Amino acid sequence: SSFMLELRKTPELAVRDCLLGGTDIDSGSTYARHLAAAVSQGAIGRTAVQQALYRTYKSRFESGLFDPPGSSPFLNASTASVGCEAHQAASLHAARQAIVL
């Protein structure tokens, strides 16, 4: 969303465009700093924010982030397997299959 800050007249409009564009999770601090003002100024409605929050928590629940420790295979992945050659190859294959002209 920092890129969007450069494209919009105000941070609140950047937050609106990011959320409405499907960027539910902000990896920086833009939402933390400007989301409340975007809602209070009417740049984005509370319902849109609630929908983004719902999707964020839904994906986290589905990924097992709220499961008891040790019960989720996603949380038990070793750091050695992250970014390994086999996974990079699978990722590249998936990206190639997903290309739409």
N, C-alpha and C. Protein backbone atom coordinates (compact mmCIF):
# COMPACT_ATOMS: atom_id res chain seq x y z
N SER A 1 0.79 -1.20 0.00
CA SER A 1 0.00 0.00 0.00
C SER A 1 0.84 1.27 0.00
N SER A 2 2.11 1.21 0.31
CA SER A 2 2.92 2.43 0.26
C SER A 2 3.00 2.95 -1.18
N PHE A 3 2.97 2.05 -2.17
CA PHE A 3 2.95 2.48 -3.57
C PHE A 3 1.69 3.28 -3.85
N MET A 4 0.56 2.81 -3.29
CA MET A 4 -0.71 3.51 -3.50
C MET A 4 -0.68 4.90 -2.88
N LEU A 5 0.07 5.07 -1.78
CA LEU A 5 0.16 6.39 -1.17
C LEU A 5 0.72 7.41 -2.14
N GLU A 6 1.60 6.98 -3.00
CA GLU A 6 2.19 7.89 -3.97
C GLU A 6 1.22 8.23 -5.10
N LEU A 7 0.20 7.41 -5.31
CA LEU A 7 -0.72 7.60 -6.42
C LEU A 7 -2.00 8.35 -6.04
N ARG A 8 -2.28 8.47 -4.77
CA ARG A 8 -3.53 9.08 -4.31
C ARG A 8 -3.26 10.41 -3.62
N LYS A 9 -4.28 11.27 -3.59
CA LYS A 9 -4.13 12.59 -2.97
C LYS A 9 -4.00 12.51 -1.46
N THR A 10 -4.64 11.50 -0.87
CA THR A 10 -4.57 11.35 0.59
C THR A 10 -4.32 9.89 0.94
N PRO A 11 -3.74 9.64 2.12
CA PRO A 11 -3.56 8.25 2.56
C PRO A 11 -4.89 7.53 2.73
N GLU A 12 -5.94 8.26 3.09
CA GLU A 12 -7.25 7.64 3.28
C GLU A 12 -7.79 7.10 1.96
N LEU A 13 -7.56 7.82 0.87
CA LEU A 13 -7.99 7.32 -0.43
C LEU A 13 -7.15 6.13 -0.87
N ALA A 14 -5.88 6.12 -0.50
CA ALA A 14 -5.03 4.98 -0.81
C ALA A 14 -5.51 3.74 -0.06
N VAL A 15 -5.87 3.92 1.21
CA VAL A 15 -6.40 2.81 2.01
C VAL A 15 -7.69 2.28 1.38
N ARG A 16 -8.56 3.20 0.98
CA ARG A 16 -9.82 2.79 0.33
C ARG A 16 -9.54 1.95 -0.91
N ASP A 17 -8.67 2.45 -1.78
CA ASP A 17 -8.40 1.74 -3.03
C ASP A 17 -7.76 0.38 -2.78
N CYS A 18 -6.88 0.31 -1.80
CA CYS A 18 -6.24 -0.98 -1.49
C CYS A 18 -7.25 -1.99 -0.98
N LEU A 19 -8.08 -1.56 -0.02
CA LEU A 19 -9.08 -2.49 0.53
C LEU A 19 -10.09 -2.91 -0.52
N LEU A 20 -10.59 -1.96 -1.28
CA LEU A 20 -11.58 -2.30 -2.30
C LEU A 20 -10.96 -3.11 -3.43
N GLY A 21 -9.65 -3.01 -3.60
CA GLY A 21 -8.95 -3.79 -4.61
C GLY A 21 -8.58 -5.19 -4.14
N GLY A 22 -8.90 -5.51 -2.89
CA GLY A 22 -8.66 -6.87 -2.39
C GLY A 22 -7.42 -7.05 -1.54
N THR A 23 -6.74 -5.96 -1.20
CA THR A 23 -5.56 -6.08 -0.34
C THR A 23 -6.04 -6.01 1.11
N ASP A 24 -6.44 -7.16 1.63
CA ASP A 24 -7.00 -7.21 2.98
C ASP A 24 -5.94 -7.05 4.07
N ILE A 25 -4.72 -7.46 3.77
CA ILE A 25 -3.66 -7.41 4.78
C ILE A 25 -2.60 -6.41 4.33
N ASP A 26 -2.29 -5.48 5.18
CA ASP A 26 -1.26 -4.48 4.91
C ASP A 26 0.02 -4.91 5.61
N SER A 27 1.07 -5.13 4.86
CA SER A 27 2.32 -5.61 5.46
C SER A 27 3.12 -4.47 6.09
N GLY A 28 2.67 -3.27 5.95
CA GLY A 28 3.34 -2.13 6.58
C GLY A 28 2.49 -1.56 7.70
N SER A 29 2.41 -0.25 7.77
CA SER A 29 1.63 0.39 8.83
C SER A 29 0.59 1.36 8.29
N THR A 30 0.36 1.31 6.98
CA THR A 30 -0.58 2.25 6.37
C THR A 30 -1.98 2.10 6.93
N TYR A 31 -2.47 0.88 7.04
CA TYR A 31 -3.82 0.68 7.57
C TYR A 31 -3.88 1.12 9.03
N ALA A 32 -2.88 0.76 9.81
CA ALA A 32 -2.87 1.12 11.23
C ALA A 32 -2.91 2.64 11.40
N ARG A 33 -2.24 3.34 10.52
CA ARG A 33 -2.18 4.80 10.66
C ARG A 33 -3.36 5.53 10.03
N HIS A 34 -4.00 4.94 9.00
CA HIS A 34 -4.97 5.72 8.23
C HIS A 34 -6.35 5.09 8.07
N LEU A 35 -6.55 3.87 8.48
CA LEU A 35 -7.84 3.20 8.25
C LEU A 35 -8.97 3.86 9.03
N ALA A 36 -8.75 4.16 10.30
CA ALA A 36 -9.81 4.78 11.10
C ALA A 36 -10.24 6.11 10.50
N ALA A 37 -9.27 6.90 10.06
CA ALA A 37 -9.60 8.20 9.44
C ALA A 37 -10.34 8.00 8.12
N ALA A 38 -9.96 6.96 7.36
CA ALA A 38 -10.63 6.69 6.08
C ALA A 38 -12.11 6.39 6.32
N VAL A 39 -12.40 5.65 7.39
CA VAL A 39 -13.79 5.33 7.72
C VAL A 39 -14.51 6.57 8.23
N SER A 40 -13.89 7.29 9.16
CA SER A 40 -14.56 8.46 9.74
C SER A 40 -14.78 9.58 8.71
N GLN A 41 -13.90 9.67 7.71
CA GLN A 41 -14.06 10.68 6.66
C GLN A 41 -14.98 10.22 5.54
N GLY A 42 -15.42 8.97 5.61
CA GLY A 42 -16.33 8.46 4.60
C GLY A 42 -15.66 7.98 3.32
N ALA A 43 -14.33 7.85 3.32
CA ALA A 43 -13.63 7.36 2.13
C ALA A 43 -13.97 5.90 1.87
N ILE A 44 -14.21 5.16 2.93
CA ILE A 44 -14.59 3.75 2.81
C ILE A 44 -15.59 3.43 3.91
N GLY A 45 -16.53 2.56 3.59
CA GLY A 45 -17.55 2.21 4.57
C GLY A 45 -17.09 1.14 5.54
N ARG A 46 -17.71 1.15 6.69
CA ARG A 46 -17.40 0.17 7.73
C ARG A 46 -17.65 -1.26 7.23
N THR A 47 -18.65 -1.45 6.41
CA THR A 47 -18.96 -2.79 5.89
C THR A 47 -17.81 -3.35 5.08
N ALA A 48 -17.19 -2.54 4.24
CA ALA A 48 -16.05 -3.00 3.43
C ALA A 48 -14.88 -3.40 4.32
N VAL A 49 -14.67 -2.64 5.39
CA VAL A 49 -13.59 -2.96 6.33
C VAL A 49 -13.90 -4.26 7.06
N GLN A 50 -15.14 -4.43 7.47
CA GLN A 50 -15.53 -5.67 8.15
C GLN A 50 -15.40 -6.87 7.24
N GLN A 51 -15.73 -6.72 5.97
CA GLN A 51 -15.58 -7.82 5.02
C GLN A 51 -14.11 -8.20 4.86
N ALA A 52 -13.23 -7.22 4.77
CA ALA A 52 -11.79 -7.49 4.65
C ALA A 52 -11.29 -8.20 5.91
N LEU A 53 -11.74 -7.74 7.07
CA LEU A 53 -11.34 -8.37 8.32
C LEU A 53 -11.85 -9.81 8.39
N TYR A 54 -13.09 -10.03 7.95
CA TYR A 54 -13.64 -11.38 7.92
C TYR A 54 -12.80 -12.30 7.04
N ARG A 55 -12.46 -11.84 5.83
CA ARG A 55 -11.65 -12.67 4.93
C ARG A 55 -10.27 -12.96 5.52
N THR A 56 -9.70 -11.97 6.18
CA THR A 56 -8.38 -12.15 6.79
C THR A 56 -8.43 -13.22 7.87
N TYR A 57 -9.39 -13.11 8.77
CA TYR A 57 -9.48 -14.10 9.84
C TYR A 57 -9.90 -15.47 9.31
N LYS A 58 -10.76 -15.49 8.31
CA LYS A 58 -11.18 -16.77 7.72
C LYS A 58 -9.97 -17.52 7.17
N SER A 59 -9.11 -16.83 6.43
CA SER A 59 -7.94 -17.50 5.87
C SER A 59 -6.98 -17.94 6.97
N ARG A 60 -6.89 -17.17 8.04
CA ARG A 60 -6.01 -17.57 9.15
C ARG A 60 -6.57 -18.78 9.89
N PHE A 61 -7.89 -18.82 10.06
CA PHE A 61 -8.49 -20.00 10.68
C PHE A 61 -8.30 -21.23 9.79
N GLU A 62 -8.52 -21.07 8.48
CA GLU A 62 -8.36 -22.19 7.56
C GLU A 62 -6.92 -22.68 7.50
N SER A 63 -5.97 -21.80 7.75
CA SER A 63 -4.56 -22.19 7.74
C SER A 63 -4.11 -22.79 9.06
N GLY A 64 -4.98 -22.81 10.04
CA GLY A 64 -4.66 -23.42 11.32
C GLY A 64 -3.92 -22.52 12.30
N LEU A 65 -3.91 -21.22 12.04
CA LEU A 65 -3.15 -20.33 12.92
C LEU A 65 -3.73 -20.21 14.33
N PHE A 66 -4.99 -20.61 14.51
CA PHE A 66 -5.60 -20.55 15.83
C PHE A 66 -5.79 -21.94 16.44
N ASP A 67 -5.25 -22.96 15.76
CA ASP A 67 -5.32 -24.32 16.29
C ASP A 67 -4.34 -24.50 17.45
N PRO A 68 -4.57 -25.50 18.27
CA PRO A 68 -3.62 -25.77 19.36
C PRO A 68 -2.22 -26.05 18.80
N PRO A 69 -1.20 -25.67 19.53
CA PRO A 69 0.17 -25.91 19.06
C PRO A 69 0.39 -27.38 18.70
N GLY A 70 1.06 -27.61 17.59
CA GLY A 70 1.38 -28.96 17.15
C GLY A 70 0.32 -29.66 16.34
N SER A 71 -0.86 -29.04 16.19
CA SER A 71 -1.94 -29.72 15.49
C SER A 71 -2.05 -29.32 14.02
N SER A 72 -1.36 -28.30 13.59
CA SER A 72 -1.46 -27.84 12.22
C SER A 72 -0.19 -28.16 11.45
N PRO A 73 -0.32 -28.83 10.31
CA PRO A 73 0.88 -29.13 9.51
C PRO A 73 1.54 -27.87 8.96
N PHE A 74 0.76 -26.81 8.79
CA PHE A 74 1.32 -25.56 8.28
C PHE A 74 2.27 -24.93 9.29
N LEU A 75 1.95 -25.08 10.56
CA LEU A 75 2.77 -24.45 11.59
C LEU A 75 3.98 -25.29 11.96
N ASN A 76 4.01 -26.54 11.51
CA ASN A 76 5.12 -27.43 11.84
C ASN A 76 6.14 -27.58 10.72
N ALA A 77 6.01 -26.81 9.68
CA ALA A 77 6.95 -26.89 8.56
C ALA A 77 8.32 -26.41 9.02
N SER A 78 9.33 -27.16 8.64
CA SER A 78 10.69 -26.76 9.03
C SER A 78 11.16 -25.63 8.13
N THR A 79 12.05 -24.82 8.64
CA THR A 79 12.58 -23.73 7.84
C THR A 79 13.41 -24.25 6.67
N ALA A 80 13.90 -25.48 6.78
CA ALA A 80 14.68 -26.07 5.68
C ALA A 80 13.81 -26.33 4.46
N SER A 81 12.52 -26.56 4.67
CA SER A 81 11.64 -26.85 3.53
C SER A 81 11.11 -25.59 2.87
N VAL A 82 11.18 -24.47 3.58
CA VAL A 82 10.68 -23.22 3.01
C VAL A 82 11.66 -22.72 1.95
N GLY A 83 11.19 -22.56 0.76
CA GLY A 83 12.02 -22.07 -0.33
C GLY A 83 12.96 -23.12 -0.91
N CYS A 84 12.75 -24.38 -0.58
CA CYS A 84 13.62 -25.42 -1.11
C CYS A 84 13.41 -25.57 -2.62
N GLU A 85 14.32 -26.23 -3.29
CA GLU A 85 14.29 -26.36 -4.74
C GLU A 85 12.99 -27.00 -5.24
N ALA A 86 12.53 -28.03 -4.56
CA ALA A 86 11.30 -28.71 -4.99
C ALA A 86 10.09 -27.78 -4.89
N HIS A 87 10.03 -26.99 -3.84
CA HIS A 87 8.91 -26.08 -3.67
C HIS A 87 8.99 -24.92 -4.67
N GLN A 88 10.19 -24.46 -4.96
CA GLN A 88 10.34 -23.41 -5.97
C GLN A 88 9.90 -23.92 -7.34
N ALA A 89 10.24 -25.16 -7.65
CA ALA A 89 9.83 -25.75 -8.92
C ALA A 89 8.30 -25.89 -8.99
N ALA A 90 7.70 -26.31 -7.90
CA ALA A 90 6.23 -26.44 -7.86
C ALA A 90 5.57 -25.07 -8.00
N SER A 91 6.15 -24.07 -7.39
CA SER A 91 5.62 -22.71 -7.48
C SER A 91 5.72 -22.18 -8.91
N LEU A 92 6.83 -22.43 -9.54
CA LEU A 92 7.02 -22.00 -10.93
C LEU A 92 6.04 -22.71 -11.85
N HIS A 93 5.84 -23.99 -11.62
CA HIS A 93 4.89 -24.76 -12.42
C HIS A 93 3.48 -24.19 -12.25
N ALA A 94 3.09 -23.91 -11.02
CA ALA A 94 1.75 -23.35 -10.75
C ALA A 94 1.59 -21.98 -11.41
N ALA A 95 2.64 -21.17 -11.34
CA ALA A 95 2.58 -19.84 -11.97
C ALA A 95 2.43 -19.96 -13.47
N ARG A 96 3.16 -20.89 -14.07
CA ARG A 96 3.04 -21.08 -15.52
C ARG A 96 1.64 -21.57 -15.91
N GLN A 97 1.07 -22.43 -15.09
CA GLN A 97 -0.26 -22.96 -15.37
C GLN A 97 -1.33 -21.87 -15.20
N ALA A 98 -1.05 -20.88 -14.37
CA ALA A 98 -2.03 -19.85 -14.06
C ALA A 98 -2.02 -18.69 -15.04
N ILE A 99 -1.03 -18.64 -15.91
CA ILE A 99 -0.92 -17.52 -16.84
C ILE A 99 -2.10 -17.52 -17.80
N VAL A 100 -2.74 -16.38 -17.90
CA VAL A 100 -3.88 -16.21 -18.79
C VAL A 100 -3.53 -15.09 -19.77
N LEU A 101 -3.71 -15.39 -21.05
CA LEU A 101 -3.38 -14.37 -22.06
C LEU A 101 -4.58 -13.49 -22.32
